[in-house]
N, C-alpha and C. Protein backbone atom coordinates (compact mmCIF):
# COMPACT_ATOMS: atom_id res chain seq x y z
N MET A 1 -84.13 -8.85 154.55
CA MET A 1 -83.92 -7.79 155.51
C MET A 1 -82.77 -8.16 156.44
N ASN A 2 -82.41 -7.23 157.26
CA ASN A 2 -81.25 -7.37 158.14
C ASN A 2 -81.45 -8.45 159.19
N LEU A 3 -80.52 -9.40 159.27
CA LEU A 3 -80.58 -10.45 160.26
C LEU A 3 -79.62 -10.20 161.41
N GLN A 4 -78.88 -9.12 161.36
CA GLN A 4 -77.93 -8.76 162.41
C GLN A 4 -78.69 -8.26 163.63
N PRO A 5 -78.05 -8.32 164.83
CA PRO A 5 -78.68 -7.73 166.00
C PRO A 5 -78.95 -6.24 165.73
N PHE A 6 -80.00 -5.73 166.37
CA PHE A 6 -80.42 -4.36 166.13
C PHE A 6 -79.34 -3.39 166.57
N SER A 7 -78.96 -2.51 165.65
CA SER A 7 -78.01 -1.44 165.94
C SER A 7 -78.79 -0.15 165.88
N LYS A 8 -79.01 0.47 167.04
CA LYS A 8 -79.84 1.68 167.09
C LYS A 8 -79.21 2.77 166.25
N PRO A 9 -79.96 3.26 165.26
CA PRO A 9 -79.43 4.35 164.41
C PRO A 9 -79.29 5.64 165.21
N THR A 10 -78.27 6.41 164.89
CA THR A 10 -78.12 7.74 165.48
C THR A 10 -79.18 8.65 164.88
N ASP A 11 -79.32 9.85 165.43
CA ASP A 11 -80.29 10.81 164.88
C ASP A 11 -79.97 11.12 163.41
N ALA A 12 -78.70 11.31 163.10
CA ALA A 12 -78.30 11.62 161.73
C ALA A 12 -78.59 10.43 160.80
N GLU A 13 -78.34 9.22 161.29
CA GLU A 13 -78.63 8.03 160.49
C GLU A 13 -80.14 7.89 160.27
N LEU A 14 -80.92 8.23 161.28
CA LEU A 14 -82.37 8.17 161.13
C LEU A 14 -82.86 9.12 160.05
N GLU A 15 -82.23 10.28 159.94
CA GLU A 15 -82.61 11.22 158.87
C GLU A 15 -82.41 10.59 157.50
N ILE A 16 -81.29 9.90 157.34
CA ILE A 16 -81.00 9.23 156.07
C ILE A 16 -81.99 8.09 155.84
N LEU A 17 -82.24 7.31 156.88
CA LEU A 17 -83.21 6.22 156.75
C LEU A 17 -84.59 6.75 156.36
N GLN A 18 -85.00 7.87 156.95
CA GLN A 18 -86.30 8.45 156.62
C GLN A 18 -86.39 8.79 155.14
N VAL A 19 -85.32 9.35 154.59
CA VAL A 19 -85.31 9.68 153.15
C VAL A 19 -85.47 8.41 152.33
N LEU A 20 -84.73 7.37 152.68
CA LEU A 20 -84.77 6.13 151.91
C LEU A 20 -86.09 5.38 152.10
N TRP A 21 -86.65 5.40 153.30
CA TRP A 21 -87.96 4.77 153.50
C TRP A 21 -89.02 5.50 152.69
N GLN A 22 -88.93 6.80 152.58
CA GLN A 22 -89.93 7.58 151.86
C GLN A 22 -89.76 7.48 150.34
N HIS A 23 -88.51 7.50 149.86
CA HIS A 23 -88.27 7.59 148.42
C HIS A 23 -87.73 6.31 147.79
N GLY A 24 -87.36 5.34 148.58
CA GLY A 24 -86.80 4.10 148.04
C GLY A 24 -85.31 4.24 147.76
N ALA A 25 -84.74 3.22 147.16
CA ALA A 25 -83.31 3.18 146.87
C ALA A 25 -82.90 4.44 146.11
N SER A 26 -81.79 5.04 146.55
CA SER A 26 -81.38 6.33 146.00
C SER A 26 -79.87 6.48 146.01
N SER A 27 -79.40 7.44 145.23
CA SER A 27 -77.98 7.78 145.21
C SER A 27 -77.66 8.66 146.41
N VAL A 28 -76.38 8.76 146.72
CA VAL A 28 -75.92 9.64 147.80
C VAL A 28 -76.31 11.08 147.49
N ARG A 29 -76.17 11.47 146.24
CA ARG A 29 -76.50 12.85 145.85
C ARG A 29 -77.97 13.16 146.13
N PHE A 30 -78.87 12.23 145.79
CA PHE A 30 -80.29 12.45 146.04
C PHE A 30 -80.56 12.59 147.53
N VAL A 31 -80.00 11.68 148.32
CA VAL A 31 -80.19 11.72 149.77
C VAL A 31 -79.66 13.04 150.32
N ASN A 32 -78.49 13.43 149.85
CA ASN A 32 -77.88 14.68 150.32
C ASN A 32 -78.77 15.88 149.98
N GLU A 33 -79.35 15.89 148.79
CA GLU A 33 -80.24 16.99 148.41
C GLU A 33 -81.46 17.04 149.33
N LYS A 34 -82.01 15.89 149.67
CA LYS A 34 -83.17 15.84 150.56
C LYS A 34 -82.79 16.32 151.96
N LEU A 35 -81.63 15.92 152.44
CA LEU A 35 -81.17 16.36 153.76
C LEU A 35 -80.98 17.88 153.79
N ASN A 36 -80.48 18.42 152.69
CA ASN A 36 -80.22 19.86 152.60
C ASN A 36 -81.49 20.69 152.54
N GLU A 37 -82.63 20.07 152.33
CA GLU A 37 -83.90 20.79 152.38
C GLU A 37 -84.22 21.22 153.81
N LYS A 38 -83.66 20.51 154.79
CA LYS A 38 -83.91 20.81 156.20
C LYS A 38 -82.76 21.54 156.86
N ARG A 39 -81.53 21.13 156.52
CA ARG A 39 -80.34 21.76 157.09
C ARG A 39 -79.16 21.46 156.18
N GLU A 40 -78.15 22.30 156.25
CA GLU A 40 -77.01 22.13 155.35
C GLU A 40 -76.14 20.94 155.80
N VAL A 41 -75.94 20.03 154.87
CA VAL A 41 -75.10 18.85 155.10
C VAL A 41 -74.20 18.70 153.89
N GLY A 42 -72.92 18.58 154.10
CA GLY A 42 -71.99 18.41 153.00
C GLY A 42 -72.13 17.05 152.34
N TYR A 43 -71.88 17.01 151.03
CA TYR A 43 -71.98 15.75 150.28
C TYR A 43 -71.06 14.69 150.86
N THR A 44 -69.82 15.05 151.16
CA THR A 44 -68.87 14.05 151.67
C THR A 44 -69.30 13.53 153.04
N THR A 45 -69.97 14.36 153.83
CA THR A 45 -70.49 13.92 155.13
C THR A 45 -71.58 12.87 154.92
N THR A 46 -72.48 13.15 153.99
CA THR A 46 -73.55 12.19 153.69
C THR A 46 -72.97 10.90 153.16
N LEU A 47 -72.00 11.00 152.24
CA LEU A 47 -71.36 9.81 151.68
C LEU A 47 -70.72 8.97 152.78
N LYS A 48 -69.95 9.59 153.65
CA LYS A 48 -69.27 8.86 154.72
C LYS A 48 -70.27 8.20 155.66
N MET A 49 -71.33 8.94 155.99
CA MET A 49 -72.35 8.37 156.88
C MET A 49 -73.01 7.15 156.25
N MET A 50 -73.31 7.25 154.96
CA MET A 50 -73.97 6.13 154.29
C MET A 50 -73.02 4.93 154.17
N GLN A 51 -71.74 5.19 153.99
CA GLN A 51 -70.76 4.10 153.96
C GLN A 51 -70.70 3.40 155.33
N VAL A 52 -70.69 4.19 156.39
CA VAL A 52 -70.68 3.62 157.75
C VAL A 52 -71.96 2.84 158.00
N MET A 53 -73.08 3.39 157.56
CA MET A 53 -74.36 2.70 157.73
C MET A 53 -74.37 1.37 156.98
N HIS A 54 -73.71 1.32 155.84
CA HIS A 54 -73.58 0.07 155.09
C HIS A 54 -72.76 -0.93 155.90
N GLU A 55 -71.68 -0.47 156.51
CA GLU A 55 -70.84 -1.33 157.35
C GLU A 55 -71.61 -1.84 158.57
N LYS A 56 -72.52 -1.03 159.08
CA LYS A 56 -73.34 -1.40 160.24
C LYS A 56 -74.56 -2.24 159.85
N ASN A 57 -74.67 -2.58 158.56
CA ASN A 57 -75.79 -3.36 158.04
C ASN A 57 -77.13 -2.64 158.14
N LEU A 58 -77.10 -1.32 158.14
CA LEU A 58 -78.34 -0.54 158.10
C LEU A 58 -78.76 -0.28 156.66
N LEU A 59 -77.77 -0.27 155.74
CA LEU A 59 -78.03 -0.01 154.32
C LEU A 59 -77.43 -1.10 153.46
N LEU A 60 -78.05 -1.32 152.31
CA LEU A 60 -77.52 -2.17 151.26
C LEU A 60 -76.96 -1.25 150.19
N ARG A 61 -75.94 -1.71 149.46
CA ARG A 61 -75.33 -0.86 148.43
C ARG A 61 -75.22 -1.64 147.13
N ASP A 62 -75.72 -1.02 146.05
CA ASP A 62 -75.61 -1.58 144.71
C ASP A 62 -74.50 -0.82 143.99
N THR A 63 -73.44 -1.53 143.63
CA THR A 63 -72.27 -0.90 143.01
C THR A 63 -72.21 -1.11 141.50
N GLU A 64 -73.31 -1.55 140.90
CA GLU A 64 -73.33 -1.83 139.47
C GLU A 64 -73.11 -0.58 138.61
N SER A 65 -73.72 0.52 138.99
CA SER A 65 -73.58 1.74 138.19
C SER A 65 -72.49 2.63 138.78
N ARG A 66 -72.14 3.66 138.05
CA ARG A 66 -71.10 4.59 138.50
C ARG A 66 -71.49 5.24 139.83
N SER A 67 -72.76 5.67 139.92
CA SER A 67 -73.28 6.21 141.18
C SER A 67 -73.84 5.05 141.98
N HIS A 68 -73.24 4.79 143.12
CA HIS A 68 -73.72 3.71 143.97
C HIS A 68 -75.12 4.05 144.46
N ILE A 69 -75.96 3.04 144.48
CA ILE A 69 -77.34 3.20 144.94
C ILE A 69 -77.47 2.48 146.27
N TYR A 70 -78.03 3.20 147.24
CA TYR A 70 -78.21 2.65 148.58
C TYR A 70 -79.69 2.40 148.84
N ALA A 71 -79.96 1.32 149.56
CA ALA A 71 -81.32 0.99 149.97
C ALA A 71 -81.29 0.58 151.43
N VAL A 72 -82.42 0.67 152.09
CA VAL A 72 -82.48 0.29 153.50
C VAL A 72 -82.38 -1.22 153.65
N ALA A 73 -81.71 -1.62 154.70
CA ALA A 73 -81.59 -3.04 155.01
C ALA A 73 -82.48 -3.41 156.19
N ILE A 74 -83.13 -2.40 156.77
CA ILE A 74 -84.01 -2.63 157.91
C ILE A 74 -85.36 -1.99 157.62
N ARG A 75 -86.41 -2.66 158.04
CA ARG A 75 -87.75 -2.13 157.80
C ARG A 75 -88.06 -1.01 158.77
N GLU A 76 -88.82 -0.04 158.30
CA GLU A 76 -89.20 1.10 159.13
C GLU A 76 -89.96 0.63 160.36
N GLU A 77 -90.92 -0.27 160.17
CA GLU A 77 -91.73 -0.74 161.29
C GLU A 77 -90.89 -1.45 162.34
N ASP A 78 -89.93 -2.27 161.90
CA ASP A 78 -89.06 -2.98 162.83
C ASP A 78 -88.20 -2.00 163.63
N THR A 79 -87.70 -0.99 162.95
CA THR A 79 -86.88 0.03 163.60
C THR A 79 -87.71 0.78 164.64
N GLN A 80 -88.91 1.17 164.26
CA GLN A 80 -89.78 1.89 165.19
C GLN A 80 -90.07 1.05 166.43
N LYS A 81 -90.38 -0.23 166.23
CA LYS A 81 -90.69 -1.12 167.36
C LYS A 81 -89.49 -1.25 168.30
N GLN A 82 -88.31 -1.48 167.71
CA GLN A 82 -87.11 -1.66 168.53
C GLN A 82 -86.77 -0.38 169.29
N MET A 83 -86.83 0.76 168.61
CA MET A 83 -86.49 2.02 169.26
C MET A 83 -87.51 2.38 170.34
N LEU A 84 -88.79 2.11 170.07
CA LEU A 84 -89.82 2.38 171.07
C LEU A 84 -89.63 1.47 172.28
N ARG A 85 -89.33 0.20 172.05
CA ARG A 85 -89.10 -0.74 173.16
C ARG A 85 -87.93 -0.24 174.02
N GLN A 86 -86.84 0.18 173.37
CA GLN A 86 -85.68 0.69 174.12
C GLN A 86 -86.04 1.96 174.88
N PHE A 87 -86.81 2.85 174.24
CA PHE A 87 -87.22 4.10 174.87
C PHE A 87 -88.10 3.83 176.10
N VAL A 88 -89.09 2.95 175.94
CA VAL A 88 -90.00 2.63 177.06
C VAL A 88 -89.21 2.01 178.21
N ASN A 89 -88.31 1.11 177.90
CA ASN A 89 -87.50 0.47 178.95
C ASN A 89 -86.61 1.48 179.67
N ALA A 90 -85.98 2.37 178.91
CA ALA A 90 -85.03 3.32 179.50
C ALA A 90 -85.74 4.48 180.21
N THR A 91 -86.86 4.94 179.66
CA THR A 91 -87.50 6.15 180.17
C THR A 91 -88.65 5.87 181.14
N PHE A 92 -89.37 4.78 180.90
CA PHE A 92 -90.56 4.49 181.72
C PHE A 92 -90.43 3.15 182.46
N ARG A 93 -89.19 2.68 182.62
CA ARG A 93 -88.90 1.41 183.31
C ARG A 93 -89.75 0.27 182.76
N GLY A 94 -89.98 0.30 181.45
CA GLY A 94 -90.70 -0.78 180.79
C GLY A 94 -92.20 -0.70 180.89
N ASP A 95 -92.74 0.34 181.48
CA ASP A 95 -94.18 0.47 181.69
C ASP A 95 -94.80 1.27 180.54
N ALA A 96 -95.34 0.56 179.56
CA ALA A 96 -95.93 1.21 178.39
C ALA A 96 -97.14 2.06 178.75
N MET A 97 -97.87 1.67 179.79
CA MET A 97 -99.04 2.46 180.21
C MET A 97 -98.61 3.85 180.66
N ARG A 98 -97.49 3.95 181.35
CA ARG A 98 -96.99 5.26 181.77
C ARG A 98 -96.67 6.13 180.54
N LEU A 99 -96.12 5.51 179.50
CA LEU A 99 -95.85 6.23 178.26
C LEU A 99 -97.15 6.76 177.64
N VAL A 100 -98.15 5.89 177.54
CA VAL A 100 -99.43 6.28 176.95
C VAL A 100 -100.08 7.40 177.75
N MET A 101 -100.08 7.26 179.06
CA MET A 101 -100.71 8.28 179.91
C MET A 101 -99.96 9.61 179.78
N GLN A 102 -98.64 9.56 179.72
CA GLN A 102 -97.85 10.78 179.55
C GLN A 102 -98.15 11.43 178.20
N ALA A 103 -98.21 10.61 177.16
CA ALA A 103 -98.46 11.13 175.81
C ALA A 103 -99.86 11.76 175.74
N LEU A 104 -100.85 11.09 176.28
CA LEU A 104 -102.20 11.64 176.24
C LEU A 104 -102.35 12.86 177.13
N GLY A 105 -101.61 12.89 178.23
CA GLY A 105 -101.68 14.02 179.13
C GLY A 105 -101.01 15.27 178.57
N ASN A 106 -100.06 15.11 177.67
CA ASN A 106 -99.33 16.24 177.10
C ASN A 106 -99.81 16.62 175.70
N HIS A 107 -100.87 16.00 175.26
CA HIS A 107 -101.35 16.23 173.89
C HIS A 107 -102.87 16.21 173.91
N GLU A 108 -103.48 17.23 173.39
CA GLU A 108 -104.94 17.25 173.31
C GLU A 108 -105.36 16.42 172.10
N ALA A 109 -105.86 15.23 172.39
CA ALA A 109 -106.24 14.30 171.34
C ALA A 109 -107.47 14.81 170.61
N THR A 110 -107.44 14.66 169.29
CA THR A 110 -108.61 15.03 168.48
C THR A 110 -109.65 13.92 168.60
N ASP A 111 -110.86 14.22 168.18
CA ASP A 111 -111.91 13.20 168.19
C ASP A 111 -111.50 12.00 167.35
N LYS A 112 -110.87 12.26 166.22
CA LYS A 112 -110.43 11.17 165.34
C LYS A 112 -109.39 10.30 166.03
N GLU A 113 -108.44 10.93 166.71
CA GLU A 113 -107.41 10.16 167.43
C GLU A 113 -108.04 9.33 168.54
N LEU A 114 -108.99 9.91 169.27
CA LEU A 114 -109.67 9.16 170.34
C LEU A 114 -110.43 7.97 169.77
N GLU A 115 -111.08 8.15 168.63
CA GLU A 115 -111.77 7.03 167.98
C GLU A 115 -110.78 5.93 167.57
N GLN A 116 -109.61 6.33 167.06
CA GLN A 116 -108.59 5.35 166.68
C GLN A 116 -108.08 4.59 167.90
N ILE A 117 -107.89 5.30 169.01
CA ILE A 117 -107.45 4.65 170.24
C ILE A 117 -108.51 3.66 170.72
N LYS A 118 -109.78 4.07 170.70
CA LYS A 118 -110.87 3.18 171.11
C LYS A 118 -110.93 1.94 170.22
N ALA A 119 -110.77 2.14 168.92
CA ALA A 119 -110.80 1.02 167.98
C ALA A 119 -109.64 0.06 168.24
N LEU A 120 -108.47 0.61 168.55
CA LEU A 120 -107.32 -0.24 168.86
C LEU A 120 -107.57 -1.04 170.13
N ILE A 121 -108.11 -0.40 171.15
CA ILE A 121 -108.41 -1.11 172.40
C ILE A 121 -109.41 -2.23 172.14
N GLN A 122 -110.45 -1.93 171.37
CA GLN A 122 -111.46 -2.94 171.05
C GLN A 122 -110.83 -4.11 170.29
N PHE A 123 -109.98 -3.80 169.34
CA PHE A 123 -109.28 -4.84 168.56
C PHE A 123 -108.42 -5.72 169.48
N LEU A 124 -107.68 -5.08 170.39
CA LEU A 124 -106.82 -5.83 171.31
C LEU A 124 -107.64 -6.69 172.26
N GLU A 125 -108.78 -6.18 172.73
CA GLU A 125 -109.63 -6.95 173.62
C GLU A 125 -110.22 -8.16 172.91
N GLN A 126 -110.62 -8.01 171.65
CA GLN A 126 -111.19 -9.12 170.88
C GLN A 126 -110.13 -10.17 170.59
N GLY A 127 -108.90 -9.73 170.39
CA GLY A 127 -107.82 -10.68 170.11
C GLY A 127 -107.47 -11.54 171.30
N GLU A 128 -107.74 -11.04 172.50
CA GLU A 128 -107.42 -11.80 173.72
C GLU A 128 -108.57 -12.72 174.12
N GLY A 129 -109.76 -12.49 173.54
CA GLY A 129 -110.94 -13.26 173.94
C GLY A 129 -111.01 -14.52 173.21
């Protein structure tokens, strides 16, 4: 996986990463087709973005076949953690509790979600004991 310092993906780059995380290593054409299911994106735009992402060490590129195959160089979980950490620091001055309270206050949690939250709290409490 990527050993470079974290380079926060742009929104457009995140769309490409989402396709590759979901479907695995793919050609530019495949990624472009998936992007076009949501909004129109030109093939050359997708190609250029993926080339830039390769230069930024966000993607790996296999040039063995005629159609280059791209794969993610960063794990989805690592990206989520880094982006969430940056978001909490920038938006909530590093206070994760304020984020949680805001999220719960703006969303009616289902019984299942509340049970999952309780289970997570219990797990975290046991880990500290």
